C-alpha atoms as a PDB file:
ATOM      1  CA  MET A   1      69.323  72.879  78.533  1.00  0.00           C
ATOM      2  CA  ASN A   2      70.658  69.510  79.462  1.00  0.00           C
ATOM      3  CA  THR A   3      73.773  70.491  81.484  1.00  0.00           C
ATOM      4  CA  ALA A   4      74.531  66.775  82.641  1.00  0.00           C
ATOM      5  CA  LYS A   5      75.019  65.657  79.322  1.00  0.00           C
ATOM      6  CA  GLU A   6      76.579  68.921  77.599  1.00  0.00           C
ATOM      7  CA  LEU A   7      79.199  67.984  80.269  1.00  0.00           C
ATOM      8  CA  TRP A   8      79.847  64.496  79.756  1.00  0.00           C
ATOM      9  CA  TYR A   9      80.355  65.741  76.115  1.00  0.00           C
ATOM     10  CA  LEU A  10      82.274  68.588  77.004  1.00  0.00           C
ATOM     11  CA  THR A  11      84.550  65.902  78.991  1.00  0.00           C
ATOM     12  CA  ARG A  12      85.168  63.868  76.313  1.00  0.00           C
ATOM     13  CA  GLY A  13      85.767  67.099  74.005  1.00  0.00           C
ATOM     14  CA  SER A  14      88.042  68.452  75.901  1.00  0.00           C
ATOM     15  CA  GLY A  15      90.084  65.464  76.302  1.00  0.00           C
ATOM     16  CA  ALA A  16      90.129  64.636  72.860  1.00  0.00           C
ATOM     17  CA  VAL A  17      91.468  68.306  72.098  1.00  0.00           C
ATOM     18  CA  ALA A  18      93.959  68.260  74.733  1.00  0.00           C
ATOM     19  CA  LEU A  19      95.915  64.937  73.655  1.00  0.00           C
ATOM     20  CA  LEU A  20      95.917  66.560  70.048  1.00  0.00           C
ATOM     21  CA  LEU A  21      97.576  69.605  71.503  1.00  0.00           C
ATOM     22  CA  LEU A  22     100.096  67.964  73.612  1.00  0.00           C
ATOM     23  CA  THR A  23     100.803  66.084  70.843  1.00  0.00           C
ATOM     24  CA  ALA A  24     101.207  68.824  68.668  1.00  0.00           C
ATOM     25  CA  SER A  25     103.387  70.786  71.096  1.00  0.00           C
ATOM     26  CA  VAL A  26     105.750  67.564  72.102  1.00  0.00           C
ATOM     27  CA  ALA A  27     106.622  66.642  68.683  1.00  0.00           C
ATOM     28  CA  LEU A  28     107.404  70.230  68.130  1.00  0.00           C
ATOM     29  CA  GLY A  29     109.609  70.160  71.167  1.00  0.00           C
ATOM     30  CA  VAL A  30     111.216  67.039  70.153  1.00  0.00           C
ATOM     31  CA  LEU A  31     112.021  69.013  66.522  1.00  0.00           C
ATOM     32  CA  VAL A  32     112.870  72.388  67.998  1.00  0.00           C
ATOM     33  CA  SER A  33     116.035  70.334  69.493  1.00  0.00           C
ATOM     34  CA  LEU A  34     116.941  69.538  65.802  1.00  0.00           C
ATOM     35  CA  ARG A  35     117.772  73.556  66.080  1.00  0.00           C
ATOM     36  CA  SER A  36     116.848  74.232  62.011  1.00  0.00           C
ATOM     37  CA  THR A  37     115.381  77.133  60.716  1.00  0.00           C
ATOM     38  CA  THR A  38     113.827  78.621  58.148  1.00  0.00           C
ATOM     39  CA  LYS A  39     113.473  82.018  56.240  1.00  0.00           C
ATOM     40  CA  HIS A  40     110.028  82.152  57.227  1.00  0.00           C
ATOM     41  CA  TRP A  41     110.047  79.995  60.645  1.00  0.00           C
ATOM     42  CA  PRO A  42     113.094  82.045  62.474  1.00  0.00           C
ATOM     43  CA  ARG A  43     113.933  79.969  66.182  1.00  0.00           C
ATOM     44  CA  PHE A  44     112.274  82.013  68.241  1.00  0.00           C
ATOM     45  CA  ALA A  45     108.569  81.938  66.017  1.00  0.00           C
ATOM     46  CA  VAL A  46     108.861  78.040  66.578  1.00  0.00           C
ATOM     47  CA  ASN A  47     109.928  78.460  70.115  1.00  0.00           C
ATOM     48  CA  SER A  48     106.472  81.040  70.708  1.00  0.00           C
ATOM     49  CA  LEU A  49     104.532  78.753  68.632  1.00  0.00           C
ATOM     50  CA  HIS A  50     105.828  75.818  70.987  1.00  0.00           C
ATOM     51  CA  ARG A  51     105.289  77.816  74.306  1.00  0.00           C
ATOM     52  CA  ASN A  52     101.861  78.856  73.010  1.00  0.00           C
ATOM     53  CA  LEU A  53     100.957  75.433  71.692  1.00  0.00           C
ATOM     54  CA  THR A  54     101.924  73.944  75.163  1.00  0.00           C
ATOM     55  CA  LEU A  55      99.662  76.837  77.470  1.00  0.00           C
ATOM     56  CA  ILE A  56      96.599  75.930  75.205  1.00  0.00           C
ATOM     57  CA  ALA A  57      96.923  72.170  75.820  1.00  0.00           C
ATOM     58  CA  ILE A  58      97.227  72.794  79.571  1.00  0.00           C
ATOM     59  CA  ALA A  59      94.211  74.904  79.610  1.00  0.00           C
ATOM     60  CA  PHE A  60      92.326  72.092  77.869  1.00  0.00           C
ATOM     61  CA  VAL A  61      93.754  69.540  80.547  1.00  0.00           C
ATOM     62  CA  GLY A  62      92.194  72.160  82.941  1.00  0.00           C
ATOM     63  CA  LEU A  63      88.867  72.084  81.234  1.00  0.00           C
ATOM     64  CA  HIS A  64      88.983  68.105  80.563  1.00  0.00           C
ATOM     65  CA  VAL A  65      89.713  67.860  84.698  1.00  0.00           C
ATOM     66  CA  VAL A  66      86.976  70.566  85.933  1.00  0.00           C
ATOM     67  CA  THR A  67      84.149  69.424  84.023  1.00  0.00           C
ATOM     68  CA  THR A  68      85.170  65.431  84.771  1.00  0.00           C
ATOM     69  CA  VAL A  69      84.522  66.434  88.305  1.00  0.00           C
ATOM     70  CA  ALA A  70      81.499  68.720  87.578  1.00  0.00           C
ATOM     71  CA  ASP A  71      79.704  65.843  85.694  1.00  0.00           C
ATOM     72  CA  GLY A  72      79.117  63.765  89.124  1.00  0.00           C
ATOM     73  CA  TYR A  73      77.986  60.218  87.058  1.00  0.00           C
ATOM     74  CA  ALA A  74      80.882  58.627  88.125  1.00  0.00           C
ATOM     75  CA  PRO A  75      82.538  58.921  91.574  1.00  0.00           C
ATOM     76  CA  ILE A  76      85.515  61.353  90.370  1.00  0.00           C
ATOM     77  CA  GLY A  77      86.711  64.384  92.641  1.00  0.00           C
ATOM     78  CA  LEU A  78      89.259  66.705  92.627  1.00  0.00           C
ATOM     79  CA  LYS A  79      91.854  64.868  94.818  1.00  0.00           C
ATOM     80  CA  ASP A  80      91.062  61.724  92.550  1.00  0.00           C
ATOM     81  CA  ALA A  81      92.429  64.338  89.658  1.00  0.00           C
ATOM     82  CA  LEU A  82      95.389  65.322  91.778  1.00  0.00           C
ATOM     83  CA  VAL A  83      96.794  61.961  93.518  1.00  0.00           C
ATOM     84  CA  PRO A  84      97.264  59.340  91.267  1.00  0.00           C
ATOM     85  CA  PHE A  85      95.550  55.879  92.373  1.00  0.00           C
ATOM     86  CA  ALA A  86      93.526  56.974  95.006  1.00  0.00           C
ATOM     87  CA  SER A  87      90.504  56.721  92.963  1.00  0.00           C
ATOM     88  CA  PRO A  88      87.964  53.774  93.437  1.00  0.00           C
ATOM     89  CA  TYR A  89      86.630  54.423  89.454  1.00  0.00           C
ATOM     90  CA  ARG A  90      89.254  52.832  87.249  1.00  0.00           C
ATOM     91  CA  PRO A  91      92.344  53.581  89.730  1.00  0.00           C
ATOM     92  CA  ILE A  92      95.132  52.737  87.439  1.00  0.00           C
ATOM     93  CA  TRP A  93      93.736  54.232  84.211  1.00  0.00           C
ATOM     94  CA  LEU A  94      92.422  57.492  86.060  1.00  0.00           C
ATOM     95  CA  GLY A  95      95.460  58.100  88.038  1.00  0.00           C
ATOM     96  CA  LEU A  96      97.666  58.125  85.063  1.00  0.00           C
ATOM     97  CA  GLY A  97      95.639  61.051  83.826  1.00  0.00           C
ATOM     98  CA  ALA A  98      96.443  62.321  87.424  1.00  0.00           C
ATOM     99  CA  VAL A  99      99.758  61.924  86.896  1.00  0.00           C
ATOM    100  CA  ALA A 100      99.877  63.620  83.632  1.00  0.00           C
ATOM    101  CA  PHE A 101      98.246  66.872  85.199  1.00  0.00           C
ATOM    102  CA  ASP A 102     100.647  67.089  88.035  1.00  0.00           C
ATOM    103  CA  LEU A 103     102.994  66.818  85.701  1.00  0.00           C
ATOM    104  CA  LEU A 104     101.971  69.780  83.371  1.00  0.00           C
ATOM    105  CA  LEU A 105     101.013  71.625  87.068  1.00  0.00           C
ATOM    106  CA  ALA A 106     104.715  70.831  87.754  1.00  0.00           C
ATOM    107  CA  LEU A 107     105.722  72.308  84.348  1.00  0.00           C
ATOM    108  CA  VAL A 108     103.757  75.820  84.965  1.00  0.00           C
ATOM    109  CA  ILE A 109     104.336  76.446  88.602  1.00  0.00           C
ATOM    110  CA  THR A 110     108.252  76.235  87.825  1.00  0.00           C
ATOM    111  CA  SER A 111     107.595  78.675  84.160  1.00  0.00           C
ATOM    112  CA  PHE A 112     106.383  80.965  86.930  1.00  0.00           C
ATOM    113  CA  LEU A 113     109.423  80.432  89.424  1.00  0.00           C
ATOM    114  CA  ARG A 114     111.731  79.990  86.421  1.00  0.00           C
ATOM    115  CA  HIS A 115     114.177  83.139  87.948  1.00  0.00           C
ATOM    116  CA  ARG A 116     113.845  82.028  91.307  1.00  0.00           C
ATOM    117  CA  ILE A 117     114.885  78.382  90.867  1.00  0.00           C
ATOM    118  CA  GLY A 118     117.750  78.381  88.263  1.00  0.00           C
ATOM    119  CA  VAL A 119     117.367  77.386  84.309  1.00  0.00           C
ATOM    120  CA  ARG A 120     118.828  74.149  85.554  1.00  0.00           C
ATOM    121  CA  LEU A 121     116.081  72.996  87.354  1.00  0.00           C
ATOM    122  CA  TRP A 122     113.428  74.451  84.871  1.00  0.00           C
ATOM    123  CA  ARG A 123     114.876  72.540  82.295  1.00  0.00           C
ATOM    124  CA  GLY A 124     114.672  69.482  84.181  1.00  0.00           C
ATOM    125  CA  VAL A 125     111.254  69.481  85.129  1.00  0.00           C
ATOM    126  CA  HIS A 126     110.540  70.728  81.937  1.00  0.00           C
ATOM    127  CA  TRP A 127     112.068  67.420  79.800  1.00  0.00           C
ATOM    128  CA  LEU A 128     109.994  65.571  82.621  1.00  0.00           C
ATOM    129  CA  ALA A 129     106.941  67.229  81.317  1.00  0.00           C
ATOM    130  CA  TYR A 130     107.375  65.228  78.074  1.00  0.00           C
ATOM    131  CA  ALA A 131     106.676  62.413  80.029  1.00  0.00           C
ATOM    132  CA  ALA A 132     102.700  63.820  79.904  1.00  0.00           C
ATOM    133  CA  TRP A 133     102.512  62.753  76.842  1.00  0.00           C
ATOM    134  CA  PRO A 134     103.155  59.160  76.508  1.00  0.00           C
ATOM    135  CA  VAL A 135     100.844  58.974  80.557  1.00  0.00           C
ATOM    136  CA  ALA A 136      97.673  60.719  78.871  1.00  0.00           C
ATOM    137  CA  LEU A 137      98.014  59.077  75.933  1.00  0.00           C
ATOM    138  CA  VAL A 138      97.834  55.557  77.588  1.00  0.00           C
ATOM    139  CA  HIS A 139      95.269  57.053  79.899  1.00  0.00           C
ATOM    140  CA  SER A 140      93.009  58.275  77.108  1.00  0.00           C
ATOM    141  CA  PHE A 141      93.021  54.627  76.390  1.00  0.00           C
ATOM    142  CA  GLY A 142      92.615  53.097  79.304  1.00  0.00           C
ATOM    143  CA  THR A 143      90.037  55.349  81.162  1.00  0.00           C
ATOM    144  CA  GLY A 144      88.342  56.561  78.262  1.00  0.00           C
ATOM    145  CA  SER A 145      84.497  55.185  77.565  1.00  0.00           C
ATOM    146  CA  ASP A 146      85.164  54.576  73.997  1.00  0.00           C
ATOM    147  CA  PRO A 147      88.406  52.743  73.667  1.00  0.00           C
ATOM    148  CA  ARG A 148      86.830  50.772  70.525  1.00  0.00           C
ATOM    149  CA  THR A 149      85.320  53.338  68.375  1.00  0.00           C
ATOM    150  CA  PHE A 150      87.134  54.583  65.201  1.00  0.00           C
ATOM    151  CA  TRP A 151      87.248  58.192  66.416  1.00  0.00           C
ATOM    152  CA  LEU A 152      89.161  57.311  69.250  1.00  0.00           C
ATOM    153  CA  VAL A 153      91.262  54.707  68.079  1.00  0.00           C
ATOM    154  CA  LEU A 154      92.273  57.566  65.099  1.00  0.00           C
ATOM    155  CA  LEU A 155      93.059  60.255  67.209  1.00  0.00           C
ATOM    156  CA  GLY A 156      95.371  57.784  69.403  1.00  0.00           C
ATOM    157  CA  PHE A 157      97.167  56.192  66.955  1.00  0.00           C
ATOM    158  CA  GLY A 158      97.400  59.204  64.935  1.00  0.00           C
ATOM    159  CA  SER A 159      98.866  61.034  67.959  1.00  0.00           C
ATOM    160  CA  LEU A 160     101.135  57.732  68.116  1.00  0.00           C
ATOM    161  CA  PHE A 161     101.907  58.823  64.684  1.00  0.00           C
ATOM    162  CA  ILE A 162     102.829  61.641  64.761  1.00  0.00           C
ATOM    163  CA  MET A 163     105.467  61.546  67.790  1.00  0.00           C
ATOM    164  CA  VAL A 164     106.813  58.416  65.827  1.00  0.00           C
ATOM    165  CA  ALA A 165     107.485  60.532  62.987  1.00  0.00           C
ATOM    166  CA  ALA A 166     108.978  63.656  65.207  1.00  0.00           C
ATOM    167  CA  VAL A 167     111.531  61.239  67.037  1.00  0.00           C
ATOM    168  CA  LEU A 168     112.561  59.396  63.702  1.00  0.00           C
ATOM    169  CA  VAL A 169     113.163  62.644  61.968  1.00  0.00           C
ATOM    170  CA  ARG A 170     115.125  63.618  65.537  1.00  0.00           C
ATOM    171  CA  VAL A 171     117.084  60.064  65.420  1.00  0.00           C
ATOM    172  CA  LEU A 172     117.611  59.961  62.113  1.00  0.00           C
ATOM    173  CA  VAL A 173     118.546  63.662  61.245  1.00  0.00           C
ATOM    174  CA  GLY A 174     119.870  64.750  64.698  1.00  0.00           C
ATOM    175  CA  SER A 175     124.051  64.429  64.873  1.00  0.00           C
ATOM    176  CA  GLY A 176     125.245  62.417  67.533  1.00  0.00           C
ATOM    177  CA  ASP A 177     126.617  58.874  67.645  1.00  0.00           C
ATOM    178  CA  ALA A 178     125.387  56.332  65.346  1.00  0.00           C
ATOM    179  CA  ARG A 179     125.258  53.831  67.627  1.00  0.00           C
ATOM    180  CA  VAL A 180     123.105  55.670  70.087  1.00  0.00           C
ATOM    181  CA  ARG A 181     120.804  56.752  67.301  1.00  0.00           C
ATOM    182  CA  ALA A 182     120.605  53.196  66.070  1.00  0.00           C
ATOM    183  CA  ALA A 183     119.180  52.223  69.562  1.00  0.00           C
ATOM    184  CA  GLY A 184     116.700  55.011  69.851  1.00  0.00           C
ATOM    185  CA  PHE A 185     115.205  54.171  66.356  1.00  0.00           C
ATOM    186  CA  ALA A 186     115.031  50.626  68.047  1.00  0.00           C
ATOM    187  CA  ALA A 187     113.155  51.744  70.924  1.00  0.00           C
ATOM    188  CA  THR A 188     111.007  54.039  69.000  1.00  0.00           C
ATOM    189  CA  VAL A 189     109.691  50.944  66.941  1.00  0.00           C
ATOM    190  CA  ALA A 190     109.766  48.633  70.147  1.00  0.00           C
ATOM    191  CA  VAL A 191     107.310  51.042  71.990  1.00  0.00           C
ATOM    192  CA  THR A 192     104.887  51.812  69.153  1.00  0.00           C
ATOM    193  CA  LEU A 193     104.673  47.684  68.718  1.00  0.00           C
ATOM    194  CA  ALA A 194     103.984  47.205  72.247  1.00  0.00           C
ATOM    195  CA  ALA A 195     101.389  50.188  72.019  1.00  0.00           C
ATOM    196  CA  PHE A 196      99.513  48.571  69.676  1.00  0.00           C
ATOM    197  CA  LEU A 197     100.131  45.277  71.776  1.00  0.00           C
ATOM    198  CA  TRP A 198      98.896  46.523  74.593  1.00  0.00           C
ATOM    199  CA  TRP A 199      95.919  48.503  73.264  1.00  0.00           C
ATOM    200  CA  HIS A 200      94.871  45.386  70.828  1.00  0.00           C
ATOM    201  CA  GLY A 201      95.009  42.929  74.181  1.00  0.00           C
ATOM    202  CA  GLY A 202      93.262  45.300  76.272  1.00  0.00           C
ATOM    203  CA  PRO A 203      91.088  48.753  76.147  1.00  0.00           C
ATOM    204  CA  ALA A 204      90.302  47.029  72.242  1.00  0.00           C
ATOM    205  CA  GLN A 205      88.354  43.567  73.650  1.00  0.00           C
ATOM    206  CA  LYS A 206      85.304  43.476  75.063  1.00  0.00           C
ATOM    207  CA  GLY A 207      84.566  43.612  78.845  1.00  0.00           C
ATOM    208  CA  TRP A 208      87.588  46.365  79.178  1.00  0.00           C
ATOM    209  CA  ALA A 209      85.640  48.762  81.258  1.00  0.00           C
ATOM    210  CA  SER A 210      84.975  45.960  83.868  1.00  0.00           C
ATOM    211  CA  ARG A 211      88.639  44.963  84.038  1.00  0.00           C
ATOM    212  CA  ALA A 212      89.724  48.320  83.910  1.00  0.00           C
ATOM    213  CA  GLY A 213      87.737  48.991  87.210  1.00  0.00           C
ATOM    214  CA  THR A 214      84.540  50.544  86.654  1.00  0.00           C
ATOM    215  CA  PRO A 215      82.215  50.502  89.354  1.00  0.00           C
ATOM    216  CA  ALA A 216      79.306  47.674  89.236  1.00  0.00           C
ATOM    217  CA  SER A 217      76.525  50.021  89.831  1.00  0.00           C
ATOM    218  CA  LEU A 218      77.621  52.148  86.781  1.00  0.00           C
ATOM    219  CA  MET A 219      78.154  49.496  84.459  1.00  0.00           C
ATOM    220  CA  ALA A 220      74.022  49.033  84.457  1.00  0.00           C
ATOM    221  CA  SER A 221      73.752  52.512  82.519  1.00  0.00           C
ATOM    222  CA  HIS A 222      76.120  51.637  79.384  1.00  0.00           C
ATOM    223  CA  ARG A 223      73.458  48.786  78.449  1.00  0.00           C
ATOM    224  CA  ARG A 224      73.477  50.221  74.809  1.00  0.00           C
ATOM    225  CA  VAL A 225      74.604  48.583  71.763  1.00  0.00           C
ATOM    226  CA  ALA A 226      75.544  49.361  67.756  1.00  0.00           C
ATOM    227  CA  SER A 227      71.948  48.931  66.918  1.00  0.00           C
ATOM    228  CA  GLY A 228      70.288  50.474  70.010  1.00  0.00           C
ATOM    229  CA  THR A 229      69.231  47.163  71.623  1.00  0.00           C
ATOM    230  CA  VAL A 230      68.800  47.298  75.006  1.00  0.00           C
ATOM    231  CA  LEU A 231      70.497  44.415  76.669  1.00  0.00           C
ATOM    232  CA  THR A 232      69.377  43.109  80.301  1.00  0.00           C
ATOM    233  CA  SER A 233      70.716  40.315  82.838  1.00  0.00           C
ATOM    234  CA  ALA A 234      68.953  38.375  85.407  1.00  0.00           C
ATOM    235  CA  THR A 235      70.903  40.504  88.646  1.00  0.00           C
ATOM    236  CA  GLN A 236      69.572  43.360  86.738  1.00  0.00           C
ATOM    237  CA  THR A 237      67.042  45.642  89.281  1.00  0.00           C
ATOM    238  CA  SER A 238      64.245  46.516  86.903  1.00  0.00           C
ATOM    239  CA  ALA A 239      63.691  49.904  86.146  1.00  0.00           C
ATOM    240  CA  PRO A 240      61.470  52.697  88.122  1.00  0.00           C
ATOM    241  CA  THR A 241      57.406  52.199  86.829  1.00  0.00           C
ATOM    242  CA  SER A 242      56.206  54.831  89.443  1.00  0.00           C
ATOM    243  CA  PHE A 243      57.096  56.132  92.763  1.00  0.00           C
ATOM    244  CA  GLU A 244      57.278  58.912  95.505  1.00  0.00           C
ATOM    245  CA  SER A 245      59.914  60.142  97.825  1.00  0.00           C
ATOM    246  CA  PRO A 246      60.898  62.983  99.923  1.00  0.00           C
ATOM    247  CA  VAL A 247      63.888  64.789  98.597  1.00  0.00           C
ATOM    248  CA  ASN A 248      66.672  67.361  99.764  1.00  0.00           C
ATOM    249  CA  GLY A 249      69.635  68.636  98.577  1.00  0.00           C
ATOM    250  CA  SER A 250      70.771  72.364  97.171  1.00  0.00           C
ATOM    251  CA  ILE A 251      70.005  75.465  95.502  1.00  0.00           C
ATOM    252  CA  ARG A 252      72.338  77.555  93.777  1.00  0.00           C
ATOM    253  CA  GLN A 253      71.566  80.580  91.716  1.00  0.00           C
ATOM    254  CA  MET A 254      74.335  82.501  89.068  1.00  0.00           C
ATOM    255  CA  ARG A 255      73.439  85.660  87.601  1.00  0.00           C
ATOM    256  CA  ARG A 256      74.654  85.421  84.085  1.00  0.00           C
ATOM    257  CA  SER A 257      76.743  87.824  81.574  1.00  0.00           C
ATOM    258  CA  ASP A 258      73.460  88.024  79.522  1.00  0.00           C
ATOM    259  CA  GLY A 259      71.624  89.280  82.839  1.00  0.00           C
ATOM    260  CA  GLN A 260      69.396  85.888  82.660  1.00  0.00           C
ATOM    261  CA  LEU A 261      69.451  83.984  85.950  1.00  0.00           C
ATOM    262  CA  GLN A 262      70.682  80.253  86.132  1.00  0.00           C
ATOM    263  CA  ILE A 263      69.124  77.840  88.626  1.00  0.00           C
ATOM    264  CA  VAL A 264      70.551  74.616  89.185  1.00  0.00           C
ATOM    265  CA  LEU A 265      69.002  71.942  92.026  1.00  0.00           C
ATOM    266  CA  ARG A 266      71.012  68.879  93.219  1.00  0.00           C
ATOM    267  CA  LEU A 267      68.506  67.008  94.850  1.00  0.00           C
ATOM    268  CA  SER A 268      68.885  63.316  96.740  1.00  0.00           C
ATOM    269  CA  LEU A 269      66.060  60.935  96.637  1.00  0.00           C
ATOM    270  CA  VAL A 270      65.318  59.755 100.179  1.00  0.00           C
ATOM    271  CA  GLN A 271      63.555  56.630  99.827  1.00  0.00           C
ATOM    272  CA  SER A 272      62.927  53.954  96.661  1.00  0.00           C
ATOM    273  CA  PRO A 273      64.607  54.351  94.160  1.00  0.00           C
ATOM    274  CA  ARG A 274      66.725  56.786  95.779  1.00  0.00           C
ATOM    275  CA  GLY A 275      69.443  57.969  93.117  1.00  0.00           C
ATOM    276  CA  GLN A 276      70.227  61.527  92.402  1.00  0.00           C
ATOM    277  CA  LEU A 277      68.173  64.028  90.464  1.00  0.00           C
ATOM    278  CA  ARG A 278      69.238  67.387  89.085  1.00  0.00           C
ATOM    279  CA  ILE A 279      67.288  70.317  87.578  1.00  0.00           C
ATOM    280  CA  ASP A 280      69.115  73.220  85.983  1.00  0.00           C
ATOM    281  CA  LEU A 281      67.376  76.286  84.262  1.00  0.00           C
ATOM    282  CA  ARG A 282      67.587  79.796  83.000  1.00  0.00           C
ATOM    283  CA  GLY A 283      65.214  82.590  82.345  1.00  0.00           C
ATOM    284  CA  THR A 284      64.889  86.123  82.492  1.00  0.00           C
ATOM    285  CA  PRO A 285      63.931  87.502  86.518  1.00  0.00           C
ATOM    286  CA  ILE A 286      60.189  88.567  87.284  1.00  0.00           C
ATOM    287  CA  GLU A 287      58.691  90.072  90.130  1.00  0.00           C
ATOM    288  CA  ASP A 288      57.864  86.808  91.425  1.00  0.00           C
ATOM    289  CA  GLY A 289      59.923  84.247  90.049  1.00  0.00           C
ATOM    290  CA  VAL A 290      61.400  83.617  86.724  1.00  0.00           C
ATOM    291  CA  SER A 291      60.485  83.536  83.233  1.00  0.00           C
ATOM    292  CA  MET A 292      62.057  80.328  82.090  1.00  0.00           C
ATOM    293  CA  THR A 293      63.539  80.215  78.523  1.00  0.00           C
ATOM    294  CA  ALA A 294      65.605  76.946  78.480  1.00  0.00           C
ATOM    295  CA  SER A 295      65.906  73.539  80.721  1.00  0.00           C
ATOM    296  CA  GLY A 296      67.458  70.317  81.808  1.00  0.00           C
ATOM    297  CA  VAL A 297      67.027  67.346  83.800  1.00  0.00           C
ATOM    298  CA  SER A 298      69.085  64.427  84.526  1.00  0.00           C
ATOM    299  CA  PHE A 299      67.540  61.624  86.491  1.00  0.00           C
ATOM    300  CA  VAL A 300      69.784  58.591  88.242  1.00  0.00           C
ATOM    301  CA  PRO A 301      67.781  55.963  89.820  1.00  0.00           C
ATOM    302  CA  ALA A 302      70.441  53.969  92.489  1.00  0.00           C
ATOM    303  CA  SER A 303      68.216  50.679  91.861  1.00  0.00           C
ATOM    304  CA  THR A 304      69.450  50.737  88.219  1.00  0.00           C
ATOM    305  CA  ARG A 305      71.812  53.314  88.045  1.00  0.00           C
ATOM    306  CA  ALA A 306      70.385  54.197  84.234  1.00  0.00           C
ATOM    307  CA  VAL A 307      70.447  58.076  83.124  1.00  0.00           C
ATOM    308  CA  TYR A 308      67.402  59.739  82.508  1.00  0.00           C
ATOM    309  CA  TYR A 309      67.786  63.208  80.533  1.00  0.00           C
ATOM    310  CA  GLY A 310      64.612  65.974  79.705  1.00  0.00           C
ATOM    311  CA  SER A 311      63.929  68.574  80.568  1.00  0.00           C
ATOM    312  CA  ILE A 312      60.963  70.794  82.645  1.00  0.00           C
ATOM    313  CA  THR A 313      57.574  70.786  80.896  1.00  0.00           C
ATOM    314  CA  GLY A 314      56.094  72.834  83.234  1.00  0.00           C
ATOM    315  CA  LEU A 315      56.954  75.557  86.168  1.00  0.00           C
ATOM    316  CA  ASP A 316      54.370  76.900  88.892  1.00  0.00           C
ATOM    317  CA  GLY A 317      56.372  78.776  91.413  1.00  0.00           C
ATOM    318  CA  SER A 318      58.134  75.952  93.578  1.00  0.00           C
ATOM    319  CA  ILE A 319      56.275  73.083  91.311  1.00  0.00           C
ATOM    320  CA  ILE A 320      57.996  71.552  88.494  1.00  0.00           C
ATOM    321  CA  ALA A 321      56.866  69.393  86.316  1.00  0.00           C
ATOM    322  CA  ALA A 322      59.440  67.266  83.954  1.00  0.00           C
ATOM    323  CA  SER A 323      59.373  64.613  81.806  1.00  0.00           C
ATOM    324  CA  VAL A 324      62.965  62.195  81.330  1.00  0.00           C
ATOM    325  CA  ASN A 325      63.917  59.116  78.855  1.00  0.00           C
ATOM    326  CA  ASP A 326      66.800  56.558  79.454  1.00  0.00           C
ATOM    327  CA  ALA A 327      68.473  55.164  76.801  1.00  0.00           C
ATOM    328  CA  ALA A 328      66.062  52.538  75.924  1.00  0.00           C
ATOM    329  CA  GLY A 329      63.314  55.223  75.726  1.00  0.00           C
ATOM    330  CA  ASP A 330      61.567  54.532  78.407  1.00  0.00           C
ATOM    331  CA  THR A 331      59.597  57.907  80.184  1.00  0.00           C
ATOM    332  CA  LEU A 332      59.303  58.730  83.097  1.00  0.00           C
ATOM    333  CA  GLN A 333      56.863  61.979  84.219  1.00  0.00           C
ATOM    334  CA  LEU A 334      58.425  63.956  87.406  1.00  0.00           C
ATOM    335  CA  THR A 335      56.384  66.377  89.540  1.00  0.00           C
ATOM    336  CA  VAL A 336      58.803  68.129  92.020  1.00  0.00           C
ATOM    337  CA  ARG A 337      56.955  70.213  95.095  1.00  0.00           C
ATOM    338  CA  LEU A 338      59.830  71.906  96.597  1.00  0.00           C
ATOM    339  CA  SER A 339      60.565  74.347  99.828  1.00  0.00           C
ATOM    340  CA  LEU A 340      63.426  76.582  99.364  1.00  0.00           C
ATOM    341  CA  GLU A 341      65.697  78.392 101.128  1.00  0.00           C
ATOM    342  CA  VAL A 342      67.871  80.260  98.882  1.00  0.00           C
ATOM    343  CA  ALA A 343      69.634  82.284 101.431  1.00  0.00           C
ATOM    344  CA  SER A 344      71.260  79.175 102.868  1.00  0.00           C
ATOM    345  CA  GLY A 345      70.920  77.013  99.703  1.00  0.00           C
ATOM    346  CA  ARG A 346      68.707  74.041 100.906  1.00  0.00           C
ATOM    347  CA  ALA A 347      66.155  72.768  98.699  1.00  0.00           C
ATOM    348  CA  SER A 348      64.143  69.804 100.240  1.00  0.00           C
ATOM    349  CA  GLY A 349      60.535  68.485  99.072  1.00  0.00           C
ATOM    350  CA  VAL A 350      58.857  65.377  97.607  1.00  0.00           C
ATOM    351  CA  VAL A 351      59.097  64.117  93.978  1.00  0.00           C
ATOM    352  CA  VAL A 352      56.232  61.936  92.384  1.00  0.00           C
ATOM    353  CA  ALA A 353      57.047  59.956  89.564  1.00  0.00           C
ATOM    354  CA  GLY A 354      54.782  58.007  86.973  1.00  0.00           C
ATOM    355  CA  ARG A 355      55.279  55.857  83.497  1.00  0.00           C
ATOM    356  CA  GLY A 356      55.232  58.226  81.024  1.00  0.00           C
ATOM    357  CA  ASP A 357      52.085  55.739  79.123  1.00  0.00           C
ATOM    358  CA  GLN A 358      50.316  56.211  82.378  1.00  0.00           C
END
């Protein structure tokens, strides 16, 4: 079990699914306003589908927020997910994500209070929530880790195409003044062109991560190119080879639904190279501890911010041996000797590291 990597992929996946569901929900909402029904799709069924899609989309947005905060790799806290433009990490683009999240939260809260606040106010907030979709789309391009990869480009512009098609159907087929509909058509085309030009001149270009506001300390960990070659620079600190450092942090134990015990250790290195060490393990409780069935270890030295992933290779009471690798394939062998205070949730000890080829 590699919890850090699982959280990273879960964050990306939940964000992508949330955008798709939000696109479907908003597009359906635009088409519902045509008030057209069929024998197989009566109006109540369409409204029910629209509502359920919205609720599922909000659930995935919530999952995206929770996993982003829990991942801990980027300096993003719960406050940054709620308060727009307050984060030091990509403040504008992450802030737009917070705006979209706040709009959806307002939709949920006012829906629960609909009978108290009145239909008029609820409807106003409901329509305002439609603004969450374009904000979320710009957020996904602006702060995503893969703005030039095929899958994100396809996801983003596929969502944009669906929305443009829905709006054009609404403008061209719906009733209303011809001049208003013509203006709506022109605005839709102009917004689509502007979105493409912004993407092409911004996220599609090299160096976007730095211009978007990614801290320099995190840039060092994104050193892989498509061929797998590792890039280096004159200013980059060399990777750690061997070291010994005191550690302190926390321990958390959780009983899983399958009866197994899950243990999470979050440790900070006090001395060079400093950084963060996380150890996850789960197993069957036994008289003098736990019989491990799965594990995951992540280590991020402060000197390089490169991410090392691996697993536990040996467990003897409070002594843990682990092997971790970075993106370049460099291996570190870690031995962690711990003093644990489970009742208070405190952990301390020493970590000793050596190169894998030593």
